[in-house]
């Protein structure tokens, strides 16, 4: 199984000298793969976090990032950890609205049915 983890700096592991939580998960499962000399049943993690991303940024890159990692006969699991940057303001102006966040997340979640 391929696990695609999308998000912003928290996902990316920004300012974490060990690479963040996604890197730790990947390391854990990579060690299992090496110890078992097999990848059967062991997930492969892809850290697709980009510092500063909002749900709108993620929506723009989601399909291309996903299609680039499709592997024949392998399931995919998605973890979405996005939204903190949507709450930011720049010079007192909100970067995003709750409605925009909801629209972006609904679009991503419903992609398979489109």
PDB file of N, CA and C in Angstrom:
ATOM      1  N   UNK A   1       0.832  -1.173   0.000  1.00  0.00           N
ATOM      2  CA  UNK A   1       0.000   0.000   0.000  1.00  0.00           C
ATOM      3  C   UNK A   1       0.882   1.243   0.000  1.00  0.00           C
ATOM      4  N   UNK A   2       0.466   2.214  -0.795  1.00  0.00           N
ATOM      5  CA  UNK A   2       1.150   3.501  -0.815  1.00  0.00           C
ATOM      6  C   UNK A   2       0.346   4.490   0.011  1.00  0.00           C
ATOM      7  N   UNK A   3       1.002   5.150   0.949  1.00  0.00           N
ATOM      8  CA  UNK A   3       0.349   6.119   1.813  1.00  0.00           C
ATOM      9  C   UNK A   3       0.848   7.504   1.416  1.00  0.00           C
ATOM     10  N   UNK A   4      -0.061   8.306   0.881  1.00  0.00           N
ATOM     11  CA  UNK A   4       0.274   9.656   0.449  1.00  0.00           C
ATOM     12  C   UNK A   4      -0.205  10.617   1.521  1.00  0.00           C
ATOM     13  N   UNK A   5       0.742  11.327   2.125  1.00  0.00           N
ATOM     14  CA  UNK A   5       0.426  12.238   3.218  1.00  0.00           C
ATOM     15  C   UNK A   5       0.567  13.663   2.703  1.00  0.00           C
ATOM     16  N   UNK A   6      -0.560  14.347   2.595  1.00  0.00           N
ATOM     17  CA  UNK A   6      -0.602  15.716   2.096  1.00  0.00           C
ATOM     18  C   UNK A   6      -0.760  16.680   3.254  1.00  0.00           C
ATOM     19  N   UNK A   7      -0.120  17.835   3.138  1.00  0.00           N
ATOM     20  CA  UNK A   7      -0.273  18.847   4.166  1.00  0.00           C
ATOM     21  C   UNK A   7       0.665  20.011   3.956  1.00  0.00           C
ATOM     22  N   UNK A   8       0.952  20.689   5.067  1.00  0.00           N
ATOM     23  CA  UNK A   8       1.805  21.874   5.053  1.00  0.00           C
ATOM     24  C   UNK A   8       3.063  21.593   5.887  1.00  0.00           C
ATOM     25  N   UNK A   9       3.564  22.583   6.585  1.00  0.00           N
ATOM     26  CA  UNK A   9       4.836  22.438   7.302  1.00  0.00           C
ATOM     27  C   UNK A   9       4.802  21.370   8.386  1.00  0.00           C
ATOM     28  N   UNK A  10       3.660  21.196   9.033  1.00  0.00           N
ATOM     29  CA  UNK A  10       3.558  20.167  10.072  1.00  0.00           C
ATOM     30  C   UNK A  10       3.759  18.786   9.460  1.00  0.00           C
ATOM     31  N   UNK A  11       3.222  18.584   8.284  1.00  0.00           N
ATOM     32  CA  UNK A  11       3.391  17.320   7.562  1.00  0.00           C
ATOM     33  C   UNK A  11       4.812  17.201   7.025  1.00  0.00           C
ATOM     34  N   UNK A  12       5.300  18.284   6.453  1.00  0.00           N
ATOM     35  CA  UNK A  12       6.632  18.296   5.855  1.00  0.00           C
ATOM     36  C   UNK A  12       7.717  18.020   6.889  1.00  0.00           C
ATOM     37  N   UNK A  13       7.460  18.414   8.125  1.00  0.00           N
ATOM     38  CA  UNK A  13       8.467  18.248   9.171  1.00  0.00           C
ATOM     39  C   UNK A  13       9.368  19.457   9.288  1.00  0.00           C
ATOM     40  N   UNK A  14       8.879  20.591   8.857  1.00  0.00           N
ATOM     41  CA  UNK A  14       9.651  21.836   8.882  1.00  0.00           C
ATOM     42  C   UNK A  14      10.096  22.149  10.300  1.00  0.00           C
ATOM     43  N   UNK A  15      11.343  22.479  10.470  1.00  0.00           N
ATOM     44  CA  UNK A  15      11.975  22.801  11.748  1.00  0.00           C
ATOM     45  C   UNK A  15      12.123  21.588  12.663  1.00  0.00           C
ATOM     46  N   UNK A  16      11.975  20.400  12.124  1.00  0.00           N
ATOM     47  CA  UNK A  16      12.175  19.179  12.911  1.00  0.00           C
ATOM     48  C   UNK A  16      13.427  18.496  12.373  1.00  0.00           C
ATOM     49  N   UNK A  17      14.458  18.411  13.170  1.00  0.00           N
ATOM     50  CA  UNK A  17      15.733  17.868  12.694  1.00  0.00           C
ATOM     51  C   UNK A  17      15.649  16.381  12.340  1.00  0.00           C
ATOM     52  N   UNK A  18      14.572  15.720  12.756  1.00  0.00           N
ATOM     53  CA  UNK A  18      14.392  14.307  12.407  1.00  0.00           C
ATOM     54  C   UNK A  18      13.380  14.116  11.282  1.00  0.00           C
ATOM     55  N   UNK A  19      12.923  15.211  10.692  1.00  0.00           N
ATOM     56  CA  UNK A  19      12.061  15.127   9.521  1.00  0.00           C
ATOM     57  C   UNK A  19      10.577  15.120   9.774  1.00  0.00           C
ATOM     58  N   UNK A  20      10.140  15.127  11.023  1.00  0.00           N
ATOM     59  CA  UNK A  20       8.712  15.177  11.322  1.00  0.00           C
ATOM     60  C   UNK A  20       8.064  13.818  11.449  1.00  0.00           C
ATOM     61  N   UNK A  21       6.769  13.843  11.682  1.00  0.00           N
ATOM     62  CA  UNK A  21       6.030  12.608  11.979  1.00  0.00           C
ATOM     63  C   UNK A  21       5.928  11.679  10.779  1.00  0.00           C
ATOM     64  N   UNK A  22       5.847  12.223   9.580  1.00  0.00           N
ATOM     65  CA  UNK A  22       5.760  11.358   8.399  1.00  0.00           C
ATOM     66  C   UNK A  22       7.095  10.630   8.190  1.00  0.00           C
ATOM     67  N   UNK A  23       8.194  11.338   8.379  1.00  0.00           N
ATOM     68  CA  UNK A  23       9.510  10.712   8.247  1.00  0.00           C
ATOM     69  C   UNK A  23       9.696   9.595   9.278  1.00  0.00           C
ATOM     70  N   UNK A  24       9.179   9.798  10.470  1.00  0.00           N
ATOM     71  CA  UNK A  24       9.289   8.771  11.507  1.00  0.00           C
ATOM     72  C   UNK A  24       8.480   7.516  11.133  1.00  0.00           C
ATOM     73  N   UNK A  25       7.278   7.725  10.602  1.00  0.00           N
ATOM     74  CA  UNK A  25       6.486   6.577  10.147  1.00  0.00           C
ATOM     75  C   UNK A  25       7.197   5.844   9.019  1.00  0.00           C
ATOM     76  N   UNK A  26       7.721   6.594   8.066  1.00  0.00           N
ATOM     77  CA  UNK A  26       8.419   5.964   6.953  1.00  0.00           C
ATOM     78  C   UNK A  26       9.620   5.169   7.456  1.00  0.00           C
ATOM     79  N   UNK A  27      10.388   5.753   8.354  1.00  0.00           N
ATOM     80  CA  UNK A  27      11.556   5.053   8.892  1.00  0.00           C
ATOM     81  C   UNK A  27      11.137   3.751   9.582  1.00  0.00           C
ATOM     82  N   UNK A  28      10.073   3.811  10.354  1.00  0.00           N
ATOM     83  CA  UNK A  28       9.581   2.619  11.051  1.00  0.00           C
ATOM     84  C   UNK A  28       9.262   1.495  10.061  1.00  0.00           C
ATOM     85  N   UNK A  29       8.521   1.821   9.013  1.00  0.00           N
ATOM     86  CA  UNK A  29       8.116   0.795   8.047  1.00  0.00           C
ATOM     87  C   UNK A  29       9.259   0.395   7.115  1.00  0.00           C
ATOM     88  N   UNK A  30      10.160   1.312   6.820  1.00  0.00           N
ATOM     89  CA  UNK A  30      11.336   0.930   6.022  1.00  0.00           C
ATOM     90  C   UNK A  30      12.198  -0.078   6.779  1.00  0.00           C
ATOM     91  N   UNK A  31      12.334   0.096   8.088  1.00  0.00           N
ATOM     92  CA  UNK A  31      13.095  -0.862   8.898  1.00  0.00           C
ATOM     93  C   UNK A  31      12.426  -2.236   8.883  1.00  0.00           C
ATOM     94  N   UNK A  32      11.097  -2.255   8.919  1.00  0.00           N
ATOM     95  CA  UNK A  32      10.385  -3.537   8.833  1.00  0.00           C
ATOM     96  C   UNK A  32      10.630  -4.208   7.481  1.00  0.00           C
ATOM     97  N   UNK A  33      10.588  -3.408   6.434  1.00  0.00           N
ATOM     98  CA  UNK A  33      10.810  -3.934   5.077  1.00  0.00           C
ATOM     99  C   UNK A  33      12.203  -4.552   4.973  1.00  0.00           C
ATOM    100  N   UNK A  34      13.198  -3.883   5.510  1.00  0.00           N
ATOM    101  CA  UNK A  34      14.579  -4.378   5.457  1.00  0.00           C
ATOM    102  C   UNK A  34      14.725  -5.642   6.310  1.00  0.00           C
ATOM    103  N   UNK A  35      14.153  -5.635   7.505  1.00  0.00           N
ATOM    104  CA  UNK A  35      14.251  -6.793   8.398  1.00  0.00           C
ATOM    105  C   UNK A  35      13.559  -8.018   7.807  1.00  0.00           C
ATOM    106  N   UNK A  36      12.469  -7.814   7.097  1.00  0.00           N
ATOM    107  CA  UNK A  36      11.712  -8.932   6.526  1.00  0.00           C
ATOM    108  C   UNK A  36      12.176  -9.299   5.121  1.00  0.00           C
ATOM    109  N   UNK A  37      13.069  -8.497   4.557  1.00  0.00           N
ATOM    110  CA  UNK A  37      13.528  -8.717   3.178  1.00  0.00           C
ATOM    111  C   UNK A  37      12.338  -8.805   2.219  1.00  0.00           C
ATOM    112  N   UNK A  38      11.306  -8.051   2.536  1.00  0.00           N
ATOM    113  CA  UNK A  38      10.092  -8.085   1.737  1.00  0.00           C
ATOM    114  C   UNK A  38       9.306  -6.807   1.986  1.00  0.00           C
ATOM    115  N   UNK A  39       8.509  -6.434   0.995  1.00  0.00           N
ATOM    116  CA  UNK A  39       7.627  -5.297   1.217  1.00  0.00           C
ATOM    117  C   UNK A  39       6.170  -5.738   1.296  1.00  0.00           C
ATOM    118  N   UNK A  40       5.957  -7.039   1.315  1.00  0.00           N
ATOM    119  CA  UNK A  40       4.593  -7.583   1.357  1.00  0.00           C
ATOM    120  C   UNK A  40       3.864  -7.093   2.618  1.00  0.00           C
ATOM    121  N   UNK A  41       2.783  -6.352   2.390  1.00  0.00           N
ATOM    122  CA  UNK A  41       1.964  -5.871   3.490  1.00  0.00           C
ATOM    123  C   UNK A  41       2.527  -4.689   4.252  1.00  0.00           C
ATOM    124  N   UNK A  42       3.651  -4.163   3.833  1.00  0.00           N
ATOM    125  CA  UNK A  42       4.273  -3.051   4.540  1.00  0.00           C
ATOM    126  C   UNK A  42       4.063  -1.774   3.715  1.00  0.00           C
ATOM    127  N   UNK A  43       3.440  -0.763   4.305  1.00  0.00           N
ATOM    128  CA  UNK A  43       3.151   0.449   3.535  1.00  0.00           C
ATOM    129  C   UNK A  43       4.390   1.265   3.201  1.00  0.00           C
ATOM    130  N   UNK A  44       4.281   1.985   2.100  1.00  0.00           N
ATOM    131  CA  UNK A  44       5.317   2.920   1.678  1.00  0.00           C
ATOM    132  C   UNK A  44       4.753   4.327   1.847  1.00  0.00           C
ATOM    133  N   UNK A  45       5.459   5.169   2.579  1.00  0.00           N
ATOM    134  CA  UNK A  45       4.987   6.523   2.865  1.00  0.00           C
ATOM    135  C   UNK A  45       5.624   7.548   1.939  1.00  0.00           C
ATOM    136  N   UNK A  46       4.802   8.482   1.482  1.00  0.00           N
ATOM    137  CA  UNK A  46       5.254   9.603   0.667  1.00  0.00           C
ATOM    138  C   UNK A  46       4.865  10.884   1.381  1.00  0.00           C
ATOM    139  N   UNK A  47       5.864  11.681   1.736  1.00  0.00           N
ATOM    140  CA  UNK A  47       5.620  12.946   2.417  1.00  0.00           C
ATOM    141  C   UNK A  47       5.396  14.024   1.366  1.00  0.00           C
ATOM    142  N   UNK A  48       4.157  14.479   1.254  1.00  0.00           N
ATOM    143  CA  UNK A  48       3.796  15.482   0.262  1.00  0.00           C
ATOM    144  C   UNK A  48       3.382  16.787   0.929  1.00  0.00           C
ATOM    145  N   UNK A  49       4.004  17.053   2.066  1.00  0.00           N
ATOM    146  CA  UNK A  49       3.755  18.306   2.762  1.00  0.00           C
ATOM    147  C   UNK A  49       4.602  19.420   2.170  1.00  0.00           C
ATOM    148  N   UNK A  50       4.007  20.594   2.020  1.00  0.00           N
ATOM    149  CA  UNK A  50       4.725  21.778   1.538  1.00  0.00           C
ATOM    150  C   UNK A  50       4.429  22.920   2.507  1.00  0.00           C
ATOM    151  N   UNK A  51       5.477  23.450   3.111  1.00  0.00           N
ATOM    152  CA  UNK A  51       5.334  24.525   4.082  1.00  0.00           C
ATOM    153  C   UNK A  51       4.562  25.697   3.483  1.00  0.00           C
ATOM    154  N   UNK A  52       3.586  26.173   4.223  1.00  0.00           N
ATOM    155  CA  UNK A  52       2.799  27.327   3.796  1.00  0.00           C
ATOM    156  C   UNK A  52       1.558  26.985   2.994  1.00  0.00           C
ATOM    157  N   UNK A  53       1.403  25.724   2.607  1.00  0.00           N
ATOM    158  CA  UNK A  53       0.255  25.348   1.782  1.00  0.00           C
ATOM    159  C   UNK A  53      -1.076  25.564   2.501  1.00  0.00           C
ATOM    160  N   UNK A  54      -2.055  25.938   1.701  1.00  0.00           N
ATOM    161  CA  UNK A  54      -3.442  26.020   2.147  1.00  0.00           C
ATOM    162  C   UNK A  54      -4.218  24.937   1.408  1.00  0.00           C
ATOM    163  N   UNK A  55      -5.475  24.780   1.748  1.00  0.00           N
ATOM    164  CA  UNK A  55      -6.299  23.797   1.047  1.00  0.00           C
ATOM    165  C   UNK A  55      -6.405  24.136  -0.441  1.00  0.00           C
ATOM    166  N   UNK A  56      -6.388  25.410  -0.765  1.00  0.00           N
ATOM    167  CA  UNK A  56      -6.447  25.828  -2.181  1.00  0.00           C
ATOM    168  C   UNK A  56      -5.178  25.384  -2.922  1.00  0.00           C
ATOM    169  N   UNK A  57      -4.007  25.555  -2.280  1.00  0.00           N
ATOM    170  CA  UNK A  57      -2.752  25.091  -2.881  1.00  0.00           C
ATOM    171  C   UNK A  57      -2.772  23.582  -3.079  1.00  0.00           C
ATOM    172  N   UNK A  58      -3.250  22.871  -2.069  1.00  0.00           N
ATOM    173  CA  UNK A  58      -3.307  21.415  -2.154  1.00  0.00           C
ATOM    174  C   UNK A  58      -4.235  20.974  -3.273  1.00  0.00           C
ATOM    175  N   UNK A  59      -5.349  21.635  -3.390  1.00  0.00           N
ATOM    176  CA  UNK A  59      -6.311  21.291  -4.448  1.00  0.00           C
ATOM    177  C   UNK A  59      -5.679  21.405  -5.834  1.00  0.00           C
ATOM    178  N   UNK A  60      -4.829  22.413  -6.026  1.00  0.00           N
ATOM    179  CA  UNK A  60      -4.179  22.621  -7.326  1.00  0.00           C
ATOM    180  C   UNK A  60      -3.203  21.498  -7.676  1.00  0.00           C
ATOM    181  N   UNK A  61      -2.578  20.883  -6.677  1.00  0.00           N
ATOM    182  CA  UNK A  61      -1.542  19.881  -6.957  1.00  0.00           C
ATOM    183  C   UNK A  61      -1.943  18.441  -6.662  1.00  0.00           C
ATOM    184  N   UNK A  62      -3.102  18.259  -6.071  1.00  0.00           N
ATOM    185  CA  UNK A  62      -3.499  16.940  -5.581  1.00  0.00           C
ATOM    186  C   UNK A  62      -3.526  15.870  -6.680  1.00  0.00           C
ATOM    187  N   UNK A  63      -4.166  16.146  -7.785  1.00  0.00           N
ATOM    188  CA  UNK A  63      -4.309  15.135  -8.842  1.00  0.00           C
ATOM    189  C   UNK A  63      -2.942  14.775  -9.429  1.00  0.00           C
ATOM    190  N   UNK A  64      -2.128  15.768  -9.763  1.00  0.00           N
ATOM    191  CA  UNK A  64      -0.806  15.498 -10.349  1.00  0.00           C
ATOM    192  C   UNK A  64       0.086  14.730  -9.380  1.00  0.00           C
ATOM    193  N   UNK A  65       0.073  15.114  -8.091  1.00  0.00           N
ATOM    194  CA  UNK A  65       0.889  14.435  -7.080  1.00  0.00           C
ATOM    195  C   UNK A  65       0.443  12.977  -6.922  1.00  0.00           C
ATOM    196  N   UNK A  66      -0.858  12.767  -6.973  1.00  0.00           N
ATOM    197  CA  UNK A  66      -1.392  11.414  -6.829  1.00  0.00           C
ATOM    198  C   UNK A  66      -1.071  10.567  -8.058  1.00  0.00           C
ATOM    199  N   UNK A  67      -1.354  11.095  -9.239  1.00  0.00           N
ATOM    200  CA  UNK A  67      -1.108  10.335 -10.466  1.00  0.00           C
ATOM    201  C   UNK A  67       0.362   9.956 -10.616  1.00  0.00           C
ATOM    202  N   UNK A  68       1.264  10.796 -10.142  1.00  0.00           N
ATOM    203  CA  UNK A  68       2.698  10.514 -10.247  1.00  0.00           C
ATOM    204  C   UNK A  68       3.122   9.337  -9.369  1.00  0.00           C
ATOM    205  N   UNK A  69       2.269   8.947  -8.423  1.00  0.00           N
ATOM    206  CA  UNK A  69       2.643   7.894  -7.480  1.00  0.00           C
ATOM    207  C   UNK A  69       1.781   6.637  -7.583  1.00  0.00           C
ATOM    208  N   UNK A  70       0.943   6.576  -8.594  1.00  0.00           N
ATOM    209  CA  UNK A  70       0.126   5.377  -8.807  1.00  0.00           C
ATOM    210  C   UNK A  70       1.039   4.238  -9.224  1.00  0.00           C
ATOM    211  N   UNK A  71       0.811   3.078  -8.647  1.00  0.00           N
ATOM    212  CA  UNK A  71       1.587   1.877  -8.963  1.00  0.00           C
ATOM    213  C   UNK A  71       0.591   0.772  -9.261  1.00  0.00           C
ATOM    214  N   UNK A  72       0.791   0.030 -10.344  1.00  0.00           N
ATOM    215  CA  UNK A  72      -0.178  -1.014 -10.704  1.00  0.00           C
ATOM    216  C   UNK A  72      -0.441  -2.003  -9.567  1.00  0.00           C
ATOM    217  N   UNK A  73      -1.698  -2.320  -9.376  1.00  0.00           N
ATOM    218  CA  UNK A  73      -2.141  -3.313  -8.393  1.00  0.00           C
ATOM    219  C   UNK A  73      -1.760  -2.977  -6.952  1.00  0.00           C
ATOM    220  N   UNK A  74      -1.556  -1.720  -6.663  1.00  0.00           N
ATOM    221  CA  UNK A  74      -1.233  -1.338  -5.289  1.00  0.00           C
ATOM    222  C   UNK A  74      -2.258  -0.321  -4.797  1.00  0.00           C
ATOM    223  N   UNK A  75      -2.821  -0.594  -3.624  1.00  0.00           N
ATOM    224  CA  UNK A  75      -3.793   0.320  -3.033  1.00  0.00           C
ATOM    225  C   UNK A  75      -3.121   1.599  -2.587  1.00  0.00           C
ATOM    226  N   UNK A  76      -3.934   2.657  -2.486  1.00  0.00           N
ATOM    227  CA  UNK A  76      -3.435   3.937  -2.002  1.00  0.00           C
ATOM    228  C   UNK A  76      -4.294   4.397  -0.830  1.00  0.00           C
ATOM    229  N   UNK A  77      -3.627   4.953   0.156  1.00  0.00           N
ATOM    230  CA  UNK A  77      -4.294   5.537   1.306  1.00  0.00           C
ATOM    231  C   UNK A  77      -3.868   7.000   1.365  1.00  0.00           C
ATOM    232  N   UNK A  78      -4.805   7.878   1.650  1.00  0.00           N
ATOM    233  CA  UNK A  78      -4.513   9.305   1.710  1.00  0.00           C
ATOM    234  C   UNK A  78      -4.703   9.810   3.129  1.00  0.00           C
ATOM    235  N   UNK A  79      -3.726  10.592   3.588  1.00  0.00           N
ATOM    236  CA  UNK A  79      -3.844  11.295   4.857  1.00  0.00           C
ATOM    237  C   UNK A  79      -3.750  12.776   4.524  1.00  0.00           C
ATOM    238  N   UNK A  80      -4.763  13.531   4.942  1.00  0.00           N
ATOM    239  CA  UNK A  80      -4.812  14.966   4.681  1.00  0.00           C
ATOM    240  C   UNK A  80      -4.654  15.704   5.995  1.00  0.00           C
ATOM    241  N   UNK A  81      -3.610  16.504   6.091  1.00  0.00           N
ATOM    242  CA  UNK A  81      -3.325  17.277   7.294  1.00  0.00           C
ATOM    243  C   UNK A  81      -3.111  18.720   6.849  1.00  0.00           C
ATOM    244  N   UNK A  82      -4.203  19.376   6.504  1.00  0.00           N
ATOM    245  CA  UNK A  82      -4.119  20.705   5.896  1.00  0.00           C
ATOM    246  C   UNK A  82      -5.183  21.600   6.516  1.00  0.00           C
ATOM    247  N   UNK A  83      -4.901  22.884   6.606  1.00  0.00           N
ATOM    248  CA  UNK A  83      -5.904  23.830   7.069  1.00  0.00           C
ATOM    249  C   UNK A  83      -5.381  24.887   8.013  1.00  0.00           C
ATOM    250  N   UNK A  84      -4.274  24.612   8.687  1.00  0.00           N
ATOM    251  CA  UNK A  84      -3.740  25.597   9.626  1.00  0.00           C
ATOM    252  C   UNK A  84      -3.428  26.905   8.914  1.00  0.00           C
ATOM    253  N   UNK A  85      -2.830  26.829   7.739  1.00  0.00           N
ATOM    254  CA  UNK A  85      -2.483  28.051   7.006  1.00  0.00           C
ATOM    255  C   UNK A  85      -3.707  28.761   6.442  1.00  0.00           C
ATOM    256  N   UNK A  86      -4.825  28.060   6.320  1.00  0.00           N
ATOM    257  CA  UNK A  86      -6.065  28.714   5.892  1.00  0.00           C
ATOM    258  C   UNK A  86      -6.515  29.749   6.923  1.00  0.00           C
ATOM    259  N   UNK A  87      -6.148  29.550   8.175  1.00  0.00           N
ATOM    260  CA  UNK A  87      -6.568  30.445   9.253  1.00  0.00           C
ATOM    261  C   UNK A  87      -5.664  31.676   9.398  1.00  0.00           C
ATOM    262  N   UNK A  88      -4.586  31.721   8.642  1.00  0.00           N
ATOM    263  CA  UNK A  88      -3.640  32.842   8.703  1.00  0.00           C
ATOM    264  C   UNK A  88      -4.257  34.128   8.163  1.00  0.00           C
ATOM    265  N   UNK A  89      -3.679  35.235   8.585  1.00  0.00           N
ATOM    266  CA  UNK A  89      -4.028  36.521   7.991  1.00  0.00           C
ATOM    267  C   UNK A  89      -2.750  37.189   7.501  1.00  0.00           C
ATOM    268  N   UNK A  90      -2.882  37.977   6.459  1.00  0.00           N
ATOM    269  CA  UNK A  90      -1.775  38.783   5.947  1.00  0.00           C
ATOM    270  C   UNK A  90      -2.250  40.221   5.961  1.00  0.00           C
ATOM    271  N   UNK A  91      -1.563  41.053   6.749  1.00  0.00           N
ATOM    272  CA  UNK A  91      -1.959  42.451   6.939  1.00  0.00           C
ATOM    273  C   UNK A  91      -3.427  42.562   7.349  1.00  0.00           C
ATOM    274  N   UNK A  92      -3.870  41.645   8.201  1.00  0.00           N
ATOM    275  CA  UNK A  92      -5.225  41.666   8.717  1.00  0.00           C
ATOM    276  C   UNK A  92      -6.275  41.054   7.802  1.00  0.00           C
ATOM    277  N   UNK A  93      -5.865  40.623   6.603  1.00  0.00           N
ATOM    278  CA  UNK A  93      -6.806  40.023   5.660  1.00  0.00           C
ATOM    279  C   UNK A  93      -6.680  38.508   5.720  1.00  0.00           C
ATOM    280  N   UNK A  94      -7.803  37.800   5.919  1.00  0.00           N
ATOM    281  CA  UNK A  94      -7.749  36.331   5.966  1.00  0.00           C
ATOM    282  C   UNK A  94      -7.228  35.745   4.649  1.00  0.00           C
ATOM    283  N   UNK A  95      -6.406  34.734   4.764  1.00  0.00           N
ATOM    284  CA  UNK A  95      -5.878  34.033   3.585  1.00  0.00           C
ATOM    285  C   UNK A  95      -6.987  33.224   2.934  1.00  0.00           C
ATOM    286  N   UNK A  96      -7.900  32.727   3.740  1.00  0.00           N
ATOM    287  CA  UNK A  96      -8.965  31.860   3.253  1.00  0.00           C
ATOM    288  C   UNK A  96     -10.180  32.037   4.150  1.00  0.00           C
ATOM    289  N   UNK A  97     -11.277  31.493   3.713  1.00  0.00           N
ATOM    290  CA  UNK A  97     -12.489  31.513   4.537  1.00  0.00           C
ATOM    291  C   UNK A  97     -12.866  30.080   4.883  1.00  0.00           C
ATOM    292  N   UNK A  98     -13.680  29.899   5.919  1.00  0.00           N
ATOM    293  CA  UNK A  98     -14.163  28.547   6.212  1.00  0.00           C
ATOM    294  C   UNK A  98     -14.889  27.933   5.014  1.00  0.00           C
ATOM    295  N   UNK A  99     -15.608  28.747   4.280  1.00  0.00           N
ATOM    296  CA  UNK A  99     -16.329  28.242   3.103  1.00  0.00           C
ATOM    297  C   UNK A  99     -15.354  27.736   2.043  1.00  0.00           C
ATOM    298  N   UNK A 100     -14.246  28.458   1.820  1.00  0.00           N
ATOM    299  CA  UNK A 100     -13.241  28.031   0.842  1.00  0.00           C
ATOM    300  C   UNK A 100     -12.600  26.718   1.273  1.00  0.00           C
ATOM    301  N   UNK A 101     -12.260  26.619   2.555  1.00  0.00           N
ATOM    302  CA  UNK A 101     -11.678  25.382   3.082  1.00  0.00           C
ATOM    303  C   UNK A 101     -12.637  24.217   2.867  1.00  0.00           C
ATOM    304  N   UNK A 102     -13.885  24.411   3.214  1.00  0.00           N
ATOM    305  CA  UNK A 102     -14.891  23.363   3.046  1.00  0.00           C
ATOM    306  C   UNK A 102     -15.040  22.962   1.583  1.00  0.00           C
ATOM    307  N   UNK A 103     -15.067  23.932   0.693  1.00  0.00           N
ATOM    308  CA  UNK A 103     -15.177  23.644  -0.741  1.00  0.00           C
ATOM    309  C   UNK A 103     -13.977  22.847  -1.243  1.00  0.00           C
ATOM    310  N   UNK A 104     -12.780  23.263  -0.837  1.00  0.00           N
ATOM    311  CA  UNK A 104     -11.560  22.566  -1.273  1.00  0.00           C
ATOM    312  C   UNK A 104     -11.526  21.128  -0.764  1.00  0.00           C
ATOM    313  N   UNK A 105     -11.828  20.940   0.504  1.00  0.00           N
ATOM    314  CA  UNK A 105     -11.775  19.601   1.086  1.00  0.00           C
ATOM    315  C   UNK A 105     -12.862  18.698   0.499  1.00  0.00           C
ATOM    316  N   UNK A 106     -14.040  19.249   0.278  1.00  0.00           N
ATOM    317  CA  UNK A 106     -15.117  18.475  -0.344  1.00  0.00           C
ATOM    318  C   UNK A 106     -14.719  18.041  -1.744  1.00  0.00           C
ATOM    319  N   UNK A 107     -14.089  18.929  -2.485  1.00  0.00           N
ATOM    320  CA  UNK A 107     -13.629  18.613  -3.851  1.00  0.00           C
ATOM    321  C   UNK A 107     -12.621  17.470  -3.812  1.00  0.00           C
ATOM    322  N   UNK A 108     -11.649  17.543  -2.916  1.00  0.00           N
ATOM    323  CA  UNK A 108     -10.620  16.503  -2.822  1.00  0.00           C
ATOM    324  C   UNK A 108     -11.240  15.171  -2.419  1.00  0.00           C
ATOM    325  N   UNK A 109     -12.067  15.167  -1.396  1.00  0.00           N
ATOM    326  CA  UNK A 109     -12.660  13.932  -0.902  1.00  0.00           C
ATOM    327  C   UNK A 109     -13.572  13.287  -1.949  1.00  0.00           C
ATOM    328  N   UNK A 110     -14.240  14.089  -2.747  1.00  0.00           N
ATOM    329  CA  UNK A 110     -15.172  13.568  -3.747  1.00  0.00           C
ATOM    330  C   UNK A 110     -14.540  13.298  -5.100  1.00  0.00           C
ATOM    331  N   UNK A 111     -13.242  13.426  -5.237  1.00  0.00           N
ATOM    332  CA  UNK A 111     -12.586  13.217  -6.526  1.00  0.00           C
ATOM    333  C   UNK A 111     -12.905  11.870  -7.156  1.00  0.00           C
ATOM    334  N   UNK A 112     -12.924  10.837  -6.367  1.00  0.00           N
ATOM    335  CA  UNK A 112     -13.141   9.493  -6.888  1.00  0.00           C
ATOM    336  C   UNK A 112     -14.517   9.333  -7.534  1.00  0.00           C
ATOM    337  N   UNK A 113     -15.471  10.132  -7.074  1.00  0.00           N
ATOM    338  CA  UNK A 113     -16.825   9.999  -7.617  1.00  0.00           C
ATOM    339  C   UNK A 113     -17.083  10.943  -8.793  1.00  0.00           C
ATOM    340  N   UNK A 114     -16.081  11.736  -9.179  1.00  0.00           N
ATOM    341  CA  UNK A 114     -16.272  12.701 -10.264  1.00  0.00           C
ATOM    342  C   UNK A 114     -15.981  12.092 -11.602  1.00  0.00           C
TER     343      UNK A 114
END
